[in-house]
Structure formats: structure tokens, C-alpha cells
Amino acid sequence: MSTEQILCNGCGVDSKSVYFSGVLKEVSKMEIEDWLFMKPYVFTHVIKDLAETHGIVHFDTIKDASLFFYGMREKHELSDNVIKFSAAYKFGKRQGNCIPKDSNAQYNGSN
């Protein structure tokens, strides 16, 4: 495991973060990143502990987070696992975050 810390504009910013969960225990963040690189979205990095069933995808802009969230918010298959994306909680609170929808953006998947 690398000791390098990845800094991005999405670290600590709830509107630039998308939560994911699923049957993902023992699925590495690299496996998830490799899978996401095949999708038509721009993201900065994934935060996920190998032993956990959830994690966070970070983005540099709210627009990138919005495109990703509204295009990927349904359940998806990742190898033999299911992954579901949802809005991250507001940092430090148990309150859901509302990711704004960009009216000028082209969304893949559900709107």
C-alpha cells in the first residue's frame, strides 16, 4: 500500500464526493478505479479500505461529480459484485448531500 497522500479539490468537500456501497469486501480501490476508468466520467480518486463494503469517489469539480452521480446512480455490476452510487453525507453530519444537476450537461444512464 502506498504511503503517498492524494490531494484533490474533492477531499473534504461533500458536493464533490459520491458515496458507493455494495458487496465489495475484498474489492480493492484499484479494482474500482480501473473499472471507473472504462466509464465516460472524470474522477480524481477512490477512497476505500479493502475490508470495507463502501467508499467514496472524489471529483475536482461539482460538474464532474454531478455528471457522474446522475449517470451512475443506479446499481451496476462490477465483476461478480454489485455497486451502487449515492450522494455522500454532508461532512460531519448525518444529513444527505444534494448534488446539483447541471442543466447544460449530457448525462448517460438515468436522469
PDB file of N, CA and C in Angstrom:
ATOM      1  N   MET A   1       0.844  -1.175   0.000  1.00  0.00           N
ATOM      2  CA  MET A   1       0.000   0.000   0.000  1.00  0.00           C
ATOM      3  C   MET A   1       0.885   1.233   0.000  1.00  0.00           C
ATOM      4  N   SER A   2       0.560   2.189  -0.822  1.00  0.00           N
ATOM      5  CA  SER A   2       1.346   3.400  -0.945  1.00  0.00           C
ATOM      6  C   SER A   2       1.114   4.324   0.239  1.00  0.00           C
ATOM      7  N   THR A   3       2.167   5.025   0.644  1.00  0.00           N
ATOM      8  CA  THR A   3       2.022   5.995   1.716  1.00  0.00           C
ATOM      9  C   THR A   3       1.804   7.398   1.159  1.00  0.00           C
ATOM     10  N   GLU A   4       1.787   7.519  -0.185  1.00  0.00           N
ATOM     11  CA  GLU A   4       1.531   8.814  -0.800  1.00  0.00           C
ATOM     12  C   GLU A   4       0.114   9.250  -0.504  1.00  0.00           C
ATOM     13  N   GLN A   5      -0.041  10.527  -0.167  1.00  0.00           N
ATOM     14  CA  GLN A   5      -1.363  11.059   0.071  1.00  0.00           C
ATOM     15  C   GLN A   5      -1.818  11.782  -1.186  1.00  0.00           C
ATOM     16  N   ILE A   6      -2.995  11.457  -1.648  1.00  0.00           N
ATOM     17  CA  ILE A   6      -3.544  12.103  -2.830  1.00  0.00           C
ATOM     18  C   ILE A   6      -4.367  13.295  -2.362  1.00  0.00           C
ATOM     19  N   LEU A   7      -4.028  14.458  -2.861  1.00  0.00           N
ATOM     20  CA  LEU A   7      -4.799  15.648  -2.546  1.00  0.00           C
ATOM     21  C   LEU A   7      -5.572  16.060  -3.790  1.00  0.00           C
ATOM     22  N   CYS A   8      -6.805  16.407  -3.600  1.00  0.00           N
ATOM     23  CA  CYS A   8      -7.620  16.833  -4.728  1.00  0.00           C
ATOM     24  C   CYS A   8      -8.579  17.907  -4.252  1.00  0.00           C
ATOM     25  N   ASN A   9      -9.256  18.526  -5.195  1.00  0.00           N
ATOM     26  CA  ASN A   9     -10.243  19.546  -4.845  1.00  0.00           C
ATOM     27  C   ASN A   9     -11.479  18.932  -4.195  1.00  0.00           C
ATOM     28  N   GLY A  10     -11.638  17.613  -4.296  1.00  0.00           N
ATOM     29  CA  GLY A  10     -12.798  16.947  -3.713  1.00  0.00           C
ATOM     30  C   GLY A  10     -12.589  16.465  -2.292  1.00  0.00           C
ATOM     31  N   CYS A  11     -11.346  16.409  -1.839  1.00  0.00           N
ATOM     32  CA  CYS A  11     -11.066  15.944  -0.472  1.00  0.00           C
ATOM     33  C   CYS A  11     -11.679  16.915   0.534  1.00  0.00           C
ATOM     34  N   GLY A  12     -12.607  16.412   1.336  1.00  0.00           N
ATOM     35  CA  GLY A  12     -13.246  17.234   2.362  1.00  0.00           C
ATOM     36  C   GLY A  12     -14.384  18.103   1.848  1.00  0.00           C
ATOM     37  N   VAL A  13     -14.773  17.936   0.582  1.00  0.00           N
ATOM     38  CA  VAL A  13     -15.854  18.747   0.009  1.00  0.00           C
ATOM     39  C   VAL A  13     -17.003  17.807  -0.376  1.00  0.00           C
ATOM     40  N   ASP A  14     -18.084  17.858   0.383  1.00  0.00           N
ATOM     41  CA  ASP A  14     -19.173  16.898   0.169  1.00  0.00           C
ATOM     42  C   ASP A  14     -19.835  17.025  -1.195  1.00  0.00           C
ATOM     43  N   SER A  15     -19.889  18.211  -1.768  1.00  0.00           N
ATOM     44  CA  SER A  15     -20.533  18.377  -3.075  1.00  0.00           C
ATOM     45  C   SER A  15     -19.672  17.852  -4.222  1.00  0.00           C
ATOM     46  N   LYS A  16     -18.433  17.454  -3.925  1.00  0.00           N
ATOM     47  CA  LYS A  16     -17.539  16.874  -4.932  1.00  0.00           C
ATOM     48  C   LYS A  16     -17.210  15.420  -4.603  1.00  0.00           C
ATOM     49  N   SER A  17     -18.110  14.776  -3.856  1.00  0.00           N
ATOM     50  CA  SER A  17     -17.911  13.397  -3.421  1.00  0.00           C
ATOM     51  C   SER A  17     -19.172  12.584  -3.679  1.00  0.00           C
ATOM     52  N   VAL A  18     -18.992  11.341  -4.138  1.00  0.00           N
ATOM     53  CA  VAL A  18     -20.110  10.422  -4.339  1.00  0.00           C
ATOM     54  C   VAL A  18     -19.796   9.148  -3.563  1.00  0.00           C
ATOM     55  N   TYR A  19     -20.757   8.714  -2.768  1.00  0.00           N
ATOM     56  CA  TYR A  19     -20.635   7.519  -1.928  1.00  0.00           C
ATOM     57  C   TYR A  19     -20.969   6.283  -2.759  1.00  0.00           C
ATOM     58  N   PHE A  20     -20.331   5.169  -2.449  1.00  0.00           N
ATOM     59  CA  PHE A  20     -20.730   3.907  -3.070  1.00  0.00           C
ATOM     60  C   PHE A  20     -20.729   2.805  -2.031  1.00  0.00           C
ATOM     61  N   SER A  21     -21.533   1.780  -2.288  1.00  0.00           N
ATOM     62  CA  SER A  21     -21.612   0.632  -1.391  1.00  0.00           C
ATOM     63  C   SER A  21     -22.013  -0.588  -2.200  1.00  0.00           C
ATOM     64  N   GLY A  22     -21.883  -1.734  -1.586  1.00  0.00           N
ATOM     65  CA  GLY A  22     -22.276  -2.963  -2.251  1.00  0.00           C
ATOM     66  C   GLY A  22     -21.572  -4.154  -1.656  1.00  0.00           C
ATOM     67  N   VAL A  23     -21.567  -5.240  -2.383  1.00  0.00           N
ATOM     68  CA  VAL A  23     -20.884  -6.460  -1.972  1.00  0.00           C
ATOM     69  C   VAL A  23     -19.430  -6.285  -2.421  1.00  0.00           C
ATOM     70  N   LEU A  24     -18.693  -5.475  -1.675  1.00  0.00           N
ATOM     71  CA  LEU A  24     -17.374  -5.024  -2.123  1.00  0.00           C
ATOM     72  C   LEU A  24     -16.249  -5.337  -1.146  1.00  0.00           C
ATOM     73  N   LYS A  25     -16.522  -6.187  -0.153  1.00  0.00           N
ATOM     74  CA  LYS A  25     -15.467  -6.580   0.760  1.00  0.00           C
ATOM     75  C   LYS A  25     -14.406  -7.331  -0.039  1.00  0.00           C
ATOM     76  N   GLU A  26     -13.176  -7.013   0.158  1.00  0.00           N
ATOM     77  CA  GLU A  26     -12.024  -7.588  -0.551  1.00  0.00           C
ATOM     78  C   GLU A  26     -11.907  -7.099  -1.999  1.00  0.00           C
ATOM     79  N   VAL A  27     -12.698  -6.101  -2.393  1.00  0.00           N
ATOM     80  CA  VAL A  27     -12.522  -5.453  -3.691  1.00  0.00           C
ATOM     81  C   VAL A  27     -11.675  -4.208  -3.420  1.00  0.00           C
ATOM     82  N   SER A  28     -10.545  -4.109  -4.103  1.00  0.00           N
ATOM     83  CA  SER A  28      -9.620  -3.013  -3.816  1.00  0.00           C
ATOM     84  C   SER A  28     -10.049  -1.713  -4.485  1.00  0.00           C
ATOM     85  N   LYS A  29      -9.531  -0.614  -3.959  1.00  0.00           N
ATOM     86  CA  LYS A  29      -9.817   0.679  -4.580  1.00  0.00           C
ATOM     87  C   LYS A  29      -9.246   0.729  -5.989  1.00  0.00           C
ATOM     88  N   MET A  30      -8.142   0.036  -6.241  1.00  0.00           N
ATOM     89  CA  MET A  30      -7.556  -0.002  -7.585  1.00  0.00           C
ATOM     90  C   MET A  30      -8.483  -0.719  -8.562  1.00  0.00           C
ATOM     91  N   GLU A  31      -9.130  -1.801  -8.126  1.00  0.00           N
ATOM     92  CA  GLU A  31     -10.091  -2.501  -8.987  1.00  0.00           C
ATOM     93  C   GLU A  31     -11.259  -1.580  -9.347  1.00  0.00           C
ATOM     94  N   ILE A  32     -11.727  -0.821  -8.363  1.00  0.00           N
ATOM     95  CA  ILE A  32     -12.829   0.103  -8.608  1.00  0.00           C
ATOM     96  C   ILE A  32     -12.370   1.229  -9.530  1.00  0.00           C
ATOM     97  N   GLU A  33     -11.185   1.781  -9.286  1.00  0.00           N
ATOM     98  CA  GLU A  33     -10.666   2.839 -10.155  1.00  0.00           C
ATOM     99  C   GLU A  33     -10.483   2.333 -11.588  1.00  0.00           C
ATOM    100  N   ASP A  34      -9.922   1.148 -11.754  1.00  0.00           N
ATOM    101  CA  ASP A  34      -9.736   0.587 -13.096  1.00  0.00           C
ATOM    102  C   ASP A  34     -11.081   0.433 -13.812  1.00  0.00           C
ATOM    103  N   TRP A  35     -12.099  -0.030 -13.097  1.00  0.00           N
ATOM    104  CA  TRP A  35     -13.440  -0.182 -13.654  1.00  0.00           C
ATOM    105  C   TRP A  35     -14.017   1.178 -14.031  1.00  0.00           C
ATOM    106  N   LEU A  36     -13.841   2.183 -13.150  1.00  0.00           N
ATOM    107  CA  LEU A  36     -14.376   3.522 -13.425  1.00  0.00           C
ATOM    108  C   LEU A  36     -13.665   4.195 -14.594  1.00  0.00           C
ATOM    109  N   PHE A  37     -12.376   3.892 -14.796  1.00  0.00           N
ATOM    110  CA  PHE A  37     -11.655   4.480 -15.929  1.00  0.00           C
ATOM    111  C   PHE A  37     -12.252   4.054 -17.265  1.00  0.00           C
ATOM    112  N   MET A  38     -12.988   2.947 -17.290  1.00  0.00           N
ATOM    113  CA  MET A  38     -13.640   2.489 -18.513  1.00  0.00           C
ATOM    114  C   MET A  38     -14.964   3.218 -18.759  1.00  0.00           C
ATOM    115  N   LYS A  39     -15.407   4.021 -17.798  1.00  0.00           N
ATOM    116  CA  LYS A  39     -16.661   4.775 -17.911  1.00  0.00           C
ATOM    117  C   LYS A  39     -16.350   6.166 -18.471  1.00  0.00           C
ATOM    118  N   PRO A  40     -17.350   6.860 -19.015  1.00  0.00           N
ATOM    119  CA  PRO A  40     -17.113   8.167 -19.643  1.00  0.00           C
ATOM    120  C   PRO A  40     -17.099   9.348 -18.672  1.00  0.00           C
ATOM    121  N   TYR A  41     -16.571   9.150 -17.472  1.00  0.00           N
ATOM    122  CA  TYR A  41     -16.592  10.204 -16.465  1.00  0.00           C
ATOM    123  C   TYR A  41     -15.175  10.523 -15.998  1.00  0.00           C
ATOM    124  N   VAL A  42     -15.013  11.757 -15.523  1.00  0.00           N
ATOM    125  CA  VAL A  42     -13.736  12.205 -14.977  1.00  0.00           C
ATOM    126  C   VAL A  42     -13.837  12.183 -13.457  1.00  0.00           C
ATOM    127  N   PHE A  43     -12.926  11.493 -12.797  1.00  0.00           N
ATOM    128  CA  PHE A  43     -12.874  11.494 -11.337  1.00  0.00           C
ATOM    129  C   PHE A  43     -11.416  11.623 -10.919  1.00  0.00           C
ATOM    130  N   THR A  44     -11.195  11.978  -9.666  1.00  0.00           N
ATOM    131  CA  THR A  44      -9.831  12.177  -9.182  1.00  0.00           C
ATOM    132  C   THR A  44      -9.272  10.899  -8.570  1.00  0.00           C
ATOM    133  N   HIS A  45      -9.996  10.325  -7.619  1.00  0.00           N
ATOM    134  CA  HIS A  45      -9.547   9.086  -6.983  1.00  0.00           C
ATOM    135  C   HIS A  45     -10.670   8.472  -6.164  1.00  0.00           C
ATOM    136  N   VAL A  46     -10.429   7.240  -5.736  1.00  0.00           N
ATOM    137  CA  VAL A  46     -11.371   6.480  -4.915  1.00  0.00           C
ATOM    138  C   VAL A  46     -10.749   6.287  -3.540  1.00  0.00           C
ATOM    139  N   ILE A  47     -11.571   6.399  -2.517  1.00  0.00           N
ATOM    140  CA  ILE A  47     -11.140   6.095  -1.148  1.00  0.00           C
ATOM    141  C   ILE A  47     -11.937   4.876  -0.700  1.00  0.00           C
ATOM    142  N   LYS A  48     -11.233   3.782  -0.409  1.00  0.00           N
ATOM    143  CA  LYS A  48     -11.897   2.558   0.051  1.00  0.00           C
ATOM    144  C   LYS A  48     -10.885   1.667   0.736  1.00  0.00           C
ATOM    145  N   ASP A  49     -11.230   1.183   1.897  1.00  0.00           N
ATOM    146  CA  ASP A  49     -10.428   0.205   2.623  1.00  0.00           C
ATOM    147  C   ASP A  49     -10.828  -1.178   2.117  1.00  0.00           C
ATOM    148  N   LEU A  50      -9.876  -2.048   1.905  1.00  0.00           N
ATOM    149  CA  LEU A  50     -10.124  -3.382   1.364  1.00  0.00           C
ATOM    150  C   LEU A  50     -11.163  -4.161   2.175  1.00  0.00           C
ATOM    151  N   ALA A  51     -11.191  -3.974   3.487  1.00  0.00           N
ATOM    152  CA  ALA A  51     -12.098  -4.725   4.352  1.00  0.00           C
ATOM    153  C   ALA A  51     -13.505  -4.124   4.390  1.00  0.00           C
ATOM    154  N   GLU A  52     -13.699  -2.958   3.828  1.00  0.00           N
ATOM    155  CA  GLU A  52     -14.996  -2.285   3.882  1.00  0.00           C
ATOM    156  C   GLU A  52     -15.865  -2.621   2.672  1.00  0.00           C
ATOM    157  N   THR A  53     -17.148  -2.367   2.804  1.00  0.00           N
ATOM    158  CA  THR A  53     -18.101  -2.604   1.715  1.00  0.00           C
ATOM    159  C   THR A  53     -18.569  -1.295   1.077  1.00  0.00           C
ATOM    160  N   HIS A  54     -17.908  -0.202   1.425  1.00  0.00           N
ATOM    161  CA  HIS A  54     -18.303   1.109   0.920  1.00  0.00           C
ATOM    162  C   HIS A  54     -17.071   1.983   0.715  1.00  0.00           C
ATOM    163  N   GLY A  55     -17.285   3.123   0.077  1.00  0.00           N
ATOM    164  CA  GLY A  55     -16.199   4.069  -0.136  1.00  0.00           C
ATOM    165  C   GLY A  55     -16.721   5.346  -0.763  1.00  0.00           C
ATOM    166  N   ILE A  56     -15.784   6.179  -1.220  1.00  0.00           N
ATOM    167  CA  ILE A  56     -16.101   7.500  -1.771  1.00  0.00           C
ATOM    168  C   ILE A  56     -15.323   7.698  -3.065  1.00  0.00           C
ATOM    169  N   VAL A  57     -15.957   8.320  -4.050  1.00  0.00           N
ATOM    170  CA  VAL A  57     -15.275   8.764  -5.262  1.00  0.00           C
ATOM    171  C   VAL A  57     -15.184  10.282  -5.175  1.00  0.00           C
ATOM    172  N   HIS A  58     -13.983  10.833  -5.389  1.00  0.00           N
ATOM    173  CA  HIS A  58     -13.786  12.283  -5.351  1.00  0.00           C
ATOM    174  C   HIS A  58     -13.634  12.852  -6.752  1.00  0.00           C
ATOM    175  N   PHE A  59     -14.042  14.108  -6.879  1.00  0.00           N
ATOM    176  CA  PHE A  59     -14.010  14.830  -8.154  1.00  0.00           C
ATOM    177  C   PHE A  59     -13.399  16.206  -7.931  1.00  0.00           C
ATOM    178  N   ASP A  60     -12.797  16.770  -8.966  1.00  0.00           N
ATOM    179  CA  ASP A  60     -12.214  18.104  -8.857  1.00  0.00           C
ATOM    180  C   ASP A  60     -13.250  19.212  -8.993  1.00  0.00           C
ATOM    181  N   THR A  61     -14.369  18.925  -9.647  1.00  0.00           N
ATOM    182  CA  THR A  61     -15.395  19.959  -9.832  1.00  0.00           C
ATOM    183  C   THR A  61     -16.769  19.407  -9.467  1.00  0.00           C
ATOM    184  N   ILE A  62     -17.668  20.319  -9.133  1.00  0.00           N
ATOM    185  CA  ILE A  62     -19.059  19.933  -8.859  1.00  0.00           C
ATOM    186  C   ILE A  62     -19.692  19.391 -10.132  1.00  0.00           C
ATOM    187  N   LYS A  63     -19.352  19.955 -11.283  1.00  0.00           N
ATOM    188  CA  LYS A  63     -19.905  19.476 -12.553  1.00  0.00           C
ATOM    189  C   LYS A  63     -19.504  18.022 -12.798  1.00  0.00           C
ATOM    190  N   ASP A  64     -18.222  17.672 -12.566  1.00  0.00           N
ATOM    191  CA  ASP A  64     -17.781  16.283 -12.741  1.00  0.00           C
ATOM    192  C   ASP A  64     -18.537  15.353 -11.800  1.00  0.00           C
ATOM    193  N   ALA A  65     -18.723  15.790 -10.538  1.00  0.00           N
ATOM    194  CA  ALA A  65     -19.466  14.973  -9.563  1.00  0.00           C
ATOM    195  C   ALA A  65     -20.915  14.804 -10.006  1.00  0.00           C
ATOM    196  N   SER A  66     -21.505  15.868 -10.521  1.00  0.00           N
ATOM    197  CA  SER A  66     -22.890  15.828 -10.967  1.00  0.00           C
ATOM    198  C   SER A  66     -23.067  14.893 -12.167  1.00  0.00           C
ATOM    199  N   LEU A  67     -22.190  15.032 -13.162  1.00  0.00           N
ATOM    200  CA  LEU A  67     -22.252  14.142 -14.327  1.00  0.00           C
ATOM    201  C   LEU A  67     -22.154  12.683 -13.910  1.00  0.00           C
ATOM    202  N   PHE A  68     -21.209  12.388 -13.033  1.00  0.00           N
ATOM    203  CA  PHE A  68     -21.006  11.020 -12.556  1.00  0.00           C
ATOM    204  C   PHE A  68     -22.232  10.531 -11.781  1.00  0.00           C
ATOM    205  N   PHE A  69     -22.663  11.315 -10.800  1.00  0.00           N
ATOM    206  CA  PHE A  69     -23.760  10.895  -9.931  1.00  0.00           C
ATOM    207  C   PHE A  69     -25.039  10.618 -10.723  1.00  0.00           C
ATOM    208  N   TYR A  70     -25.444  11.531 -11.584  1.00  0.00           N
ATOM    209  CA  TYR A  70     -26.694  11.349 -12.315  1.00  0.00           C
ATOM    210  C   TYR A  70     -26.572  10.302 -13.425  1.00  0.00           C
ATOM    211  N   GLY A  71     -25.359  10.005 -13.848  1.00  0.00           N
ATOM    212  CA  GLY A  71     -25.167   8.954 -14.842  1.00  0.00           C
ATOM    213  C   GLY A  71     -24.985   7.572 -14.247  1.00  0.00           C
ATOM    214  N   MET A  72     -24.556   7.504 -12.977  1.00  0.00           N
ATOM    215  CA  MET A  72     -24.203   6.215 -12.359  1.00  0.00           C
ATOM    216  C   MET A  72     -25.020   5.886 -11.110  1.00  0.00           C
ATOM    217  N   ARG A  73     -26.091   6.594 -10.843  1.00  0.00           N
ATOM    218  CA  ARG A  73     -26.758   6.408  -9.551  1.00  0.00           C
ATOM    219  C   ARG A  73     -27.569   5.127  -9.416  1.00  0.00           C
ATOM    220  N   GLU A  74     -27.665   4.350 -10.444  1.00  0.00           N
ATOM    221  CA  GLU A  74     -28.330   3.052 -10.352  1.00  0.00           C
ATOM    222  C   GLU A  74     -27.316   1.988  -9.905  1.00  0.00           C
ATOM    223  N   LYS A  75     -27.794   0.765  -9.715  1.00  0.00           N
ATOM    224  CA  LYS A  75     -26.897  -0.346  -9.389  1.00  0.00           C
ATOM    225  C   LYS A  75     -26.157  -0.783 -10.642  1.00  0.00           C
ATOM    226  N   HIS A  76     -24.894  -1.149 -10.487  1.00  0.00           N
ATOM    227  CA  HIS A  76     -24.063  -1.601 -11.598  1.00  0.00           C
ATOM    228  C   HIS A  76     -23.330  -2.865 -11.184  1.00  0.00           C
ATOM    229  N   GLU A  77     -22.982  -3.674 -12.158  1.00  0.00           N
ATOM    230  CA  GLU A  77     -22.190  -4.865 -11.879  1.00  0.00           C
ATOM    231  C   GLU A  77     -20.722  -4.552 -12.050  1.00  0.00           C
ATOM    232  N   LEU A  78     -19.956  -4.959 -11.070  1.00  0.00           N
ATOM    233  CA  LEU A  78     -18.504  -4.798 -11.062  1.00  0.00           C
ATOM    234  C   LEU A  78     -17.936  -6.188 -10.835  1.00  0.00           C
ATOM    235  N   SER A  79     -17.454  -6.811 -11.902  1.00  0.00           N
ATOM    236  CA  SER A  79     -17.029  -8.218 -11.849  1.00  0.00           C
ATOM    237  C   SER A  79     -18.207  -9.056 -11.374  1.00  0.00           C
ATOM    238  N   ASP A  80     -18.052  -9.765 -10.261  1.00  0.00           N
ATOM    239  CA  ASP A  80     -19.140 -10.585  -9.721  1.00  0.00           C
ATOM    240  C   ASP A  80     -19.855  -9.873  -8.575  1.00  0.00           C
ATOM    241  N   ASN A  81     -19.675  -8.569  -8.468  1.00  0.00           N
ATOM    242  CA  ASN A  81     -20.227  -7.797  -7.363  1.00  0.00           C
ATOM    243  C   ASN A  81     -21.207  -6.748  -7.877  1.00  0.00           C
ATOM    244  N   VAL A  82     -21.993  -6.223  -6.963  1.00  0.00           N
ATOM    245  CA  VAL A  82     -22.917  -5.139  -7.279  1.00  0.00           C
ATOM    246  C   VAL A  82     -22.437  -3.899  -6.550  1.00  0.00           C
ATOM    247  N   ILE A  83     -22.422  -2.765  -7.265  1.00  0.00           N
ATOM    248  CA  ILE A  83     -22.011  -1.496  -6.664  1.00  0.00           C
ATOM    249  C   ILE A  83     -23.120  -0.482  -6.925  1.00  0.00           C
ATOM    250  N   LYS A  84     -23.449   0.307  -5.904  1.00  0.00           N
ATOM    251  CA  LYS A  84     -24.496   1.326  -6.026  1.00  0.00           C
ATOM    252  C   LYS A  84     -23.920   2.654  -5.570  1.00  0.00           C
ATOM    253  N   PHE A  85     -24.175   3.698  -6.352  1.00  0.00           N
ATOM    254  CA  PHE A  85     -23.682   5.027  -6.044  1.00  0.00           C
ATOM    255  C   PHE A  85     -24.811   5.885  -5.495  1.00  0.00           C
ATOM    256  N   SER A  86     -24.486   6.718  -4.506  1.00  0.00           N
ATOM    257  CA  SER A  86     -25.469   7.632  -3.927  1.00  0.00           C
ATOM    258  C   SER A  86     -24.747   8.895  -3.458  1.00  0.00           C
ATOM    259  N   ALA A  87     -25.519   9.920  -3.159  1.00  0.00           N
ATOM    260  CA  ALA A  87     -24.929  11.167  -2.685  1.00  0.00           C
ATOM    261  C   ALA A  87     -24.256  10.921  -1.340  1.00  0.00           C
ATOM    262  N   ALA A  88     -23.092  11.503  -1.159  1.00  0.00           N
ATOM    263  CA  ALA A  88     -22.381  11.389   0.121  1.00  0.00           C
ATOM    264  C   ALA A  88     -23.097  12.244   1.168  1.00  0.00           C
ATOM    265  N   TYR A  89     -22.958  11.865   2.437  1.00  0.00           N
ATOM    266  CA  TYR A  89     -23.468  12.704   3.514  1.00  0.00           C
ATOM    267  C   TYR A  89     -22.641  13.972   3.593  1.00  0.00           C
ATOM    268  N   LYS A  90     -23.267  15.030   4.107  1.00  0.00           N
ATOM    269  CA  LYS A  90     -22.508  16.248   4.374  1.00  0.00           C
ATOM    270  C   LYS A  90     -21.469  15.908   5.429  1.00  0.00           C
ATOM    271  N   PHE A  91     -20.253  16.365   5.222  1.00  0.00           N
ATOM    272  CA  PHE A  91     -19.170  16.015   6.132  1.00  0.00           C
ATOM    273  C   PHE A  91     -19.473  16.475   7.553  1.00  0.00           C
ATOM    274  N   GLY A  92     -19.297  15.548   8.500  1.00  0.00           N
ATOM    275  CA  GLY A  92     -19.515  15.824   9.913  1.00  0.00           C
ATOM    276  C   GLY A  92     -20.970  15.759  10.338  1.00  0.00           C
ATOM    277  N   LYS A  93     -21.874  15.431   9.420  1.00  0.00           N
ATOM    278  CA  LYS A  93     -23.305  15.372   9.733  1.00  0.00           C
ATOM    279  C   LYS A  93     -23.884  14.097   9.153  1.00  0.00           C
ATOM    280  N   ARG A  94     -25.004  13.670   9.678  1.00  0.00           N
ATOM    281  CA  ARG A  94     -25.721  12.519   9.122  1.00  0.00           C
ATOM    282  C   ARG A  94     -26.857  13.025   8.236  1.00  0.00           C
ATOM    283  N   GLN A  95     -26.559  14.050   7.464  1.00  0.00           N
ATOM    284  CA  GLN A  95     -27.549  14.664   6.599  1.00  0.00           C
ATOM    285  C   GLN A  95     -27.116  14.469   5.156  1.00  0.00           C
ATOM    286  N   GLY A  96     -28.043  14.018   4.319  1.00  0.00           N
ATOM    287  CA  GLY A  96     -27.727  13.779   2.922  1.00  0.00           C
ATOM    288  C   GLY A  96     -27.304  15.035   2.190  1.00  0.00           C
ATOM    289  N   ASN A  97     -26.447  14.867   1.229  1.00  0.00           N
ATOM    290  CA  ASN A  97     -25.945  15.954   0.405  1.00  0.00           C
ATOM    291  C   ASN A  97     -26.733  15.982  -0.899  1.00  0.00           C
ATOM    292  N   CYS A  98     -27.103  17.132  -1.352  1.00  0.00           N
ATOM    293  CA  CYS A  98     -27.808  17.263  -2.623  1.00  0.00           C
ATOM    294  C   CYS A  98     -26.791  17.660  -3.686  1.00  0.00           C
ATOM    295  N   ILE A  99     -26.565  16.783  -4.650  1.00  0.00           N
ATOM    296  CA  ILE A  99     -25.649  17.086  -5.745  1.00  0.00           C
ATOM    297  C   ILE A  99     -26.446  17.820  -6.813  1.00  0.00           C
ATOM    298  N   PRO A 100     -26.044  19.049  -7.137  1.00  0.00           N
ATOM    299  CA  PRO A 100     -26.816  19.810  -8.126  1.00  0.00           C
ATOM    300  C   PRO A 100     -26.754  19.174  -9.507  1.00  0.00           C
ATOM    301  N   LYS A 101     -27.834  19.266 -10.230  1.00  0.00           N
ATOM    302  CA  LYS A 101     -27.882  18.738 -11.598  1.00  0.00           C
ATOM    303  C   LYS A 101     -27.603  19.888 -12.555  1.00  0.00           C
ATOM    304  N   ASP A 102     -26.621  19.716 -13.410  1.00  0.00           N
ATOM    305  CA  ASP A 102     -26.229  20.733 -14.384  1.00  0.00           C
ATOM    306  C   ASP A 102     -27.180  20.659 -15.571  1.00  0.00           C
ATOM    307  N   SER A 103     -27.951  21.707 -15.790  1.00  0.00           N
ATOM    308  CA  SER A 103     -28.951  21.676 -16.853  1.00  0.00           C
ATOM    309  C   SER A 103     -28.330  21.669 -18.249  1.00  0.00           C
ATOM    310  N   ASN A 104     -27.057  22.011 -18.369  1.00  0.00           N
ATOM    311  CA  ASN A 104     -26.385  22.018 -19.673  1.00  0.00           C
ATOM    312  C   ASN A 104     -25.619  20.731 -19.962  1.00  0.00           C
ATOM    313  N   ALA A 105     -25.582  19.825 -19.002  1.00  0.00           N
ATOM    314  CA  ALA A 105     -24.758  18.620 -19.145  1.00  0.00           C
ATOM    315  C   ALA A 105     -25.503  17.513 -19.868  1.00  0.00           C
ATOM    316  N   GLN A 106     -24.736  16.653 -20.517  1.00  0.00           N
ATOM    317  CA  GLN A 106     -25.265  15.451 -21.143  1.00  0.00           C
ATOM    318  C   GLN A 106     -25.020  14.293 -20.195  1.00  0.00           C
ATOM    319  N   TYR A 107     -26.090  13.666 -19.715  1.00  0.00           N
ATOM    320  CA  TYR A 107     -25.980  12.574 -18.770  1.00  0.00           C
ATOM    321  C   TYR A 107     -26.158  11.242 -19.483  1.00  0.00           C
ATOM    322  N   ASN A 108     -25.332  10.270 -19.101  1.00  0.00           N
ATOM    323  CA  ASN A 108     -25.509   8.896 -19.578  1.00  0.00           C
ATOM    324  C   ASN A 108     -26.338   8.178 -18.521  1.00  0.00           C
ATOM    325  N   GLY A 109     -27.090   7.209 -18.909  1.00  0.00           N
ATOM    326  CA  GLY A 109     -27.886   6.459 -17.936  1.00  0.00           C
ATOM    327  C   GLY A 109     -29.137   7.197 -17.573  1.00  0.00           C
ATOM    328  N   SER A 110     -29.551   7.065 -16.315  1.00  0.00           N
ATOM    329  CA  SER A 110     -30.814   7.657 -15.872  1.00  0.00           C
ATOM    330  C   SER A 110     -30.640   9.140 -15.575  1.00  0.00           C
ATOM    331  N   ASN A 111     -31.699   9.901 -15.712  1.00  0.00           N
ATOM    332  CA  ASN A 111     -31.667  11.344 -15.424  1.00  0.00           C
ATOM    333  C   ASN A 111     -32.440  11.678 -14.181  1.00  0.00           C
TER     334      ASN A 111
END
